Amino acid sequence: MTEGLLPDKLDRYLEALVPPRAPELVEMEAIGKRIHFPIIGPTCGQACYLVARMIGARSVFELGSGYGYSTAWFARAVQENGGGKVYHVVWDDTLSAQARRHLEALGYAPYVEYRVGEAIEVLRATPGPFDLMFLDIDKEAYPDALPVMAAKLRRGGVLIADNALRHGGVADGRDRSPSTEGVRRFTRMVADDPAWISTIIPLRDGMLVAWKQA
């Protein structure tokens, strides 16, 4: 998991408030720590699950799904919302196969569709609309993803974008890296567009949450 912005004691406090998780999900968290894979972690996972449940999401599209950790939280919400599909999208066959094993072990196989390819192009080729979209691809590509997501997300749908604070880099004028600039531009595009109502939740590395009102 990525190092968070909050002090460790607050991170531990917030994580302790997350209800007990399935052993397979806990194992996925352990894998992330062991191989230094930046999964969203249980606190952000719970937030994603909460948003998906609140809007009754039954169609979720993830742009960048890793080995299925975030997918598991969305799949649980979709299952509890009455059924539907979560699109797990990665660039790598090995990650896709790993995700399939974890999600089948969790009992979420009926609720997940797997795609391997460049996430924006896969989204273009996938019929919508969707209730919720999750964005976690290369950060410099965030601005290019936004119009495609806006076209595929239903009115009243929600967009969640990970790494919205870039370890605080977005507020550091000296940080002109392509990734940080991409996140800054994406965030400003959302904030300036009256079609969206948005905020950034400062959990872990920051999650932008935007409601499509038009």
Protein backbone atom coordinates (compact mmCIF):
# COMPACT_ATOMS: atom_id res chain seq x y z
CA MET A 1 0.00 0.00 0.00
CA THR A 2 1.12 3.55 -0.68
CA GLU A 3 2.35 5.56 2.29
CA GLY A 4 -0.48 7.73 3.51
CA LEU A 5 -0.69 11.45 4.17
CA LEU A 6 -2.10 11.11 7.68
CA PRO A 7 0.05 10.33 10.72
CA ASP A 8 0.43 6.60 11.29
CA LYS A 9 -1.63 6.67 14.49
CA LEU A 10 -4.58 8.20 12.61
CA ASP A 11 -4.21 5.69 9.79
CA ARG A 12 -4.27 2.86 12.32
CA TYR A 13 -7.30 4.38 14.07
CA LEU A 14 -9.27 4.69 10.82
CA GLU A 15 -8.31 1.21 9.68
CA ALA A 16 -9.45 -0.22 13.02
CA LEU A 17 -12.91 1.19 12.32
CA VAL A 18 -13.24 -0.85 9.11
CA PRO A 19 -15.40 -3.93 9.80
CA PRO A 20 -13.72 -7.36 9.76
CA ARG A 21 -12.84 -8.49 6.25
CA ALA A 22 -12.86 -11.84 4.52
CA PRO A 23 -9.61 -13.82 4.96
CA GLU A 24 -8.95 -13.67 1.20
CA LEU A 25 -9.17 -9.87 1.25
CA VAL A 26 -6.81 -9.73 4.24
CA GLU A 27 -4.40 -11.95 2.30
CA MET A 28 -4.60 -9.54 -0.66
CA GLU A 29 -3.62 -6.73 1.72
CA ALA A 30 -0.66 -8.78 2.93
CA ILE A 31 0.44 -9.39 -0.66
CA GLY A 32 0.33 -5.65 -1.34
CA LYS A 33 2.62 -4.97 1.61
CA ARG A 34 4.96 -7.81 0.73
CA ILE A 35 5.49 -6.85 -2.92
CA HIS A 36 4.98 -3.07 -2.43
CA PHE A 37 1.99 -2.99 -4.76
CA PRO A 38 -0.05 0.21 -4.27
CA ILE A 39 -3.51 -1.15 -3.49
CA ILE A 40 -6.01 1.31 -2.06
CA GLY A 41 -6.09 -0.39 1.35
CA PRO A 42 -8.99 -1.12 3.69
CA THR A 43 -9.89 2.45 4.68
CA CYS A 44 -10.25 3.61 1.07
CA GLY A 45 -11.78 0.27 0.14
CA GLN A 46 -14.49 0.82 2.73
CA ALA A 47 -15.09 4.33 1.35
CA CYS A 48 -15.44 2.97 -2.19
CA TYR A 49 -17.82 0.27 -0.98
CA LEU A 50 -19.86 2.87 0.93
CA VAL A 51 -20.25 5.16 -2.10
CA ALA A 52 -21.21 2.25 -4.33
CA ARG A 53 -23.84 1.10 -1.83
CA MET A 54 -25.19 4.62 -1.33
CA ILE A 55 -25.91 5.12 -5.02
CA GLY A 56 -27.13 1.55 -5.56
CA ALA A 57 -24.38 0.89 -8.12
CA ARG A 58 -24.93 -2.18 -10.27
CA SER A 59 -22.53 -1.32 -13.11
CA VAL A 60 -18.97 -0.32 -12.21
CA PHE A 61 -16.04 0.28 -14.53
CA GLU A 62 -12.49 0.36 -13.17
CA LEU A 63 -9.72 1.95 -15.20
CA GLY A 64 -6.74 0.26 -13.61
CA SER A 65 -7.69 -2.63 -11.32
CA GLY A 66 -4.40 -4.18 -10.21
CA TYR A 67 -4.79 -7.71 -8.90
CA GLY A 68 -8.41 -7.12 -7.95
CA TYR A 69 -8.31 -5.54 -4.49
CA SER A 70 -10.47 -2.51 -5.32
CA THR A 71 -12.60 -4.75 -7.54
CA ALA A 72 -13.46 -6.87 -4.52
CA TRP A 73 -14.91 -3.88 -2.63
CA PHE A 74 -16.99 -2.84 -5.62
CA ALA A 75 -18.11 -6.40 -6.33
CA ARG A 76 -19.35 -6.77 -2.77
CA ALA A 77 -21.40 -3.59 -3.17
CA VAL A 78 -22.82 -4.72 -6.52
CA GLN A 79 -23.75 -8.09 -5.02
CA GLU A 80 -25.52 -6.43 -2.10
CA ASN A 81 -27.23 -3.96 -4.44
CA GLY A 82 -28.98 -6.82 -6.21
CA GLY A 83 -26.40 -7.91 -8.76
CA GLY A 84 -24.65 -6.48 -11.79
CA LYS A 85 -21.11 -6.23 -13.13
CA VAL A 86 -17.76 -4.74 -12.21
CA TYR A 87 -15.34 -4.41 -15.11
CA HIS A 88 -11.82 -5.29 -14.00
CA VAL A 89 -9.41 -3.71 -16.49
CA VAL A 90 -5.62 -4.08 -16.48
CA TRP A 91 -2.83 -4.00 -19.04
CA ASP A 92 -1.30 -7.32 -17.97
CA ASP A 93 -2.51 -10.92 -18.40
CA THR A 94 -0.73 -12.04 -15.23
CA LEU A 95 -2.48 -9.43 -13.09
CA SER A 96 -5.82 -10.34 -14.67
CA ALA A 97 -5.31 -14.03 -13.87
CA GLN A 98 -4.24 -13.22 -10.32
CA ALA A 99 -7.34 -11.08 -9.84
CA ARG A 100 -9.56 -13.84 -11.18
CA ARG A 101 -8.20 -16.30 -8.57
CA HIS A 102 -8.73 -13.88 -5.69
CA LEU A 103 -12.20 -12.79 -6.75
CA GLU A 104 -13.35 -16.35 -7.36
CA ALA A 105 -12.12 -17.29 -3.88
CA LEU A 106 -14.18 -14.41 -2.48
CA GLY A 107 -17.29 -15.64 -4.28
CA TYR A 108 -17.53 -12.64 -6.60
CA ALA A 109 -17.04 -14.44 -9.93
CA PRO A 110 -20.65 -13.83 -11.10
CA TYR A 111 -20.21 -10.08 -10.71
CA VAL A 112 -16.91 -9.46 -12.51
CA GLU A 113 -15.99 -9.06 -16.18
CA TYR A 114 -12.28 -9.14 -17.07
CA ARG A 115 -10.62 -7.07 -19.76
CA VAL A 116 -6.92 -6.79 -20.64
CA GLY A 117 -5.77 -3.71 -22.51
CA GLU A 118 -5.24 0.02 -22.34
CA ALA A 119 -7.97 1.19 -20.00
CA ILE A 120 -9.25 4.23 -21.89
CA GLU A 121 -9.53 2.28 -25.14
CA VAL A 122 -11.26 -0.60 -23.36
CA LEU A 123 -13.75 1.88 -21.91
CA ARG A 124 -14.42 3.36 -25.35
CA ALA A 125 -15.21 -0.13 -26.63
CA THR A 126 -17.48 -1.09 -23.73
CA PRO A 127 -21.17 -0.15 -23.86
CA GLY A 128 -22.39 2.03 -21.01
CA PRO A 129 -23.76 3.78 -19.19
CA PHE A 130 -22.17 3.00 -15.83
CA ASP A 131 -23.23 3.91 -12.33
CA LEU A 132 -19.71 4.32 -10.96
CA MET A 133 -16.19 4.61 -12.36
CA PHE A 134 -12.89 4.18 -10.58
CA LEU A 135 -9.74 5.75 -12.03
CA ASP A 136 -6.25 4.50 -11.13
CA ILE A 137 -4.14 4.46 -14.29
CA ASP A 138 -0.94 6.35 -15.17
CA LYS A 139 -1.51 9.77 -13.66
CA GLU A 140 -0.41 11.71 -16.73
CA ALA A 141 -3.31 10.02 -18.57
CA TYR A 142 -5.98 11.23 -16.12
CA PRO A 143 -6.95 14.30 -18.20
CA ASP A 144 -7.37 12.20 -21.36
CA ALA A 145 -9.57 9.74 -19.48
CA LEU A 146 -12.02 12.34 -18.17
CA PRO A 147 -14.09 13.07 -21.32
CA VAL A 148 -14.39 9.36 -22.09
CA MET A 149 -15.56 8.63 -18.56
CA ALA A 150 -17.99 11.56 -18.61
CA ALA A 151 -19.58 10.20 -21.79
CA LYS A 152 -19.99 6.71 -20.30
CA LEU A 153 -21.13 7.63 -16.79
CA ARG A 154 -24.85 8.04 -16.21
CA ARG A 155 -26.32 11.22 -14.87
CA GLY A 156 -26.26 10.84 -11.09
CA GLY A 157 -23.28 8.51 -11.33
CA VAL A 158 -20.06 8.85 -9.35
CA LEU A 159 -16.42 9.06 -10.37
CA ILE A 160 -13.70 8.10 -7.87
CA ALA A 161 -10.08 8.90 -8.75
CA ASP A 162 -7.18 7.57 -6.69
CA ASN A 163 -3.92 9.37 -5.86
CA ALA A 164 -5.55 12.78 -6.02
CA LEU A 165 -2.97 14.35 -3.70
CA ARG A 166 0.24 12.71 -4.96
CA HIS A 167 1.81 12.50 -1.48
CA GLY A 168 1.22 16.24 -1.14
CA GLY A 169 2.97 16.96 -4.44
CA VAL A 170 -0.07 18.69 -5.90
CA ALA A 171 0.45 21.51 -3.38
CA ASP A 172 4.20 21.75 -4.03
CA GLY A 173 4.92 24.23 -6.81
CA ARG A 174 8.33 22.66 -7.33
CA ASP A 175 6.78 19.34 -8.34
CA ARG A 176 6.41 19.55 -12.10
CA SER A 177 6.54 15.83 -12.81
CA PRO A 178 4.21 14.60 -15.58
CA SER A 179 2.25 12.51 -13.07
CA THR A 180 1.64 15.36 -10.66
CA GLU A 181 0.84 17.80 -13.46
CA GLY A 182 -1.62 15.26 -14.87
CA VAL A 183 -3.43 14.98 -11.55
CA ARG A 184 -3.48 18.77 -11.10
CA ARG A 185 -4.93 19.29 -14.57
CA PHE A 186 -7.50 16.51 -14.13
CA THR A 187 -8.62 17.85 -10.76
CA ARG A 188 -9.00 21.38 -12.13
CA MET A 189 -10.96 20.07 -15.12
CA VAL A 190 -13.43 18.38 -12.78
CA ALA A 191 -13.62 21.33 -10.36
CA ASP A 192 -14.24 23.85 -13.15
CA ASP A 193 -16.91 21.82 -14.96
CA PRO A 194 -20.45 22.60 -13.71
CA ALA A 195 -21.50 19.10 -14.69
CA TRP A 196 -19.59 17.78 -11.66
CA ILE A 197 -19.82 18.34 -7.92
CA SER A 198 -16.57 17.13 -6.39
CA THR A 199 -14.31 17.00 -3.39
CA ILE A 200 -11.09 15.26 -2.35
CA ILE A 201 -11.13 12.93 0.63
CA PRO A 202 -7.65 12.99 2.24
CA LEU A 203 -7.46 9.28 3.02
CA ARG A 204 -4.23 7.50 2.13
CA ASP A 205 -3.02 9.38 -1.01
CA GLY A 206 -6.29 11.25 -1.55
CA MET A 207 -9.42 10.17 -3.41
CA LEU A 208 -11.31 12.57 -5.63
CA VAL A 209 -15.05 11.85 -5.50
CA ALA A 210 -17.24 13.54 -8.12
CA TRP A 211 -21.00 13.32 -8.68
CA LYS A 212 -22.17 13.81 -12.25
CA GLN A 213 -25.17 16.09 -11.93
CA ALA A 214 -25.64 16.81 -15.63
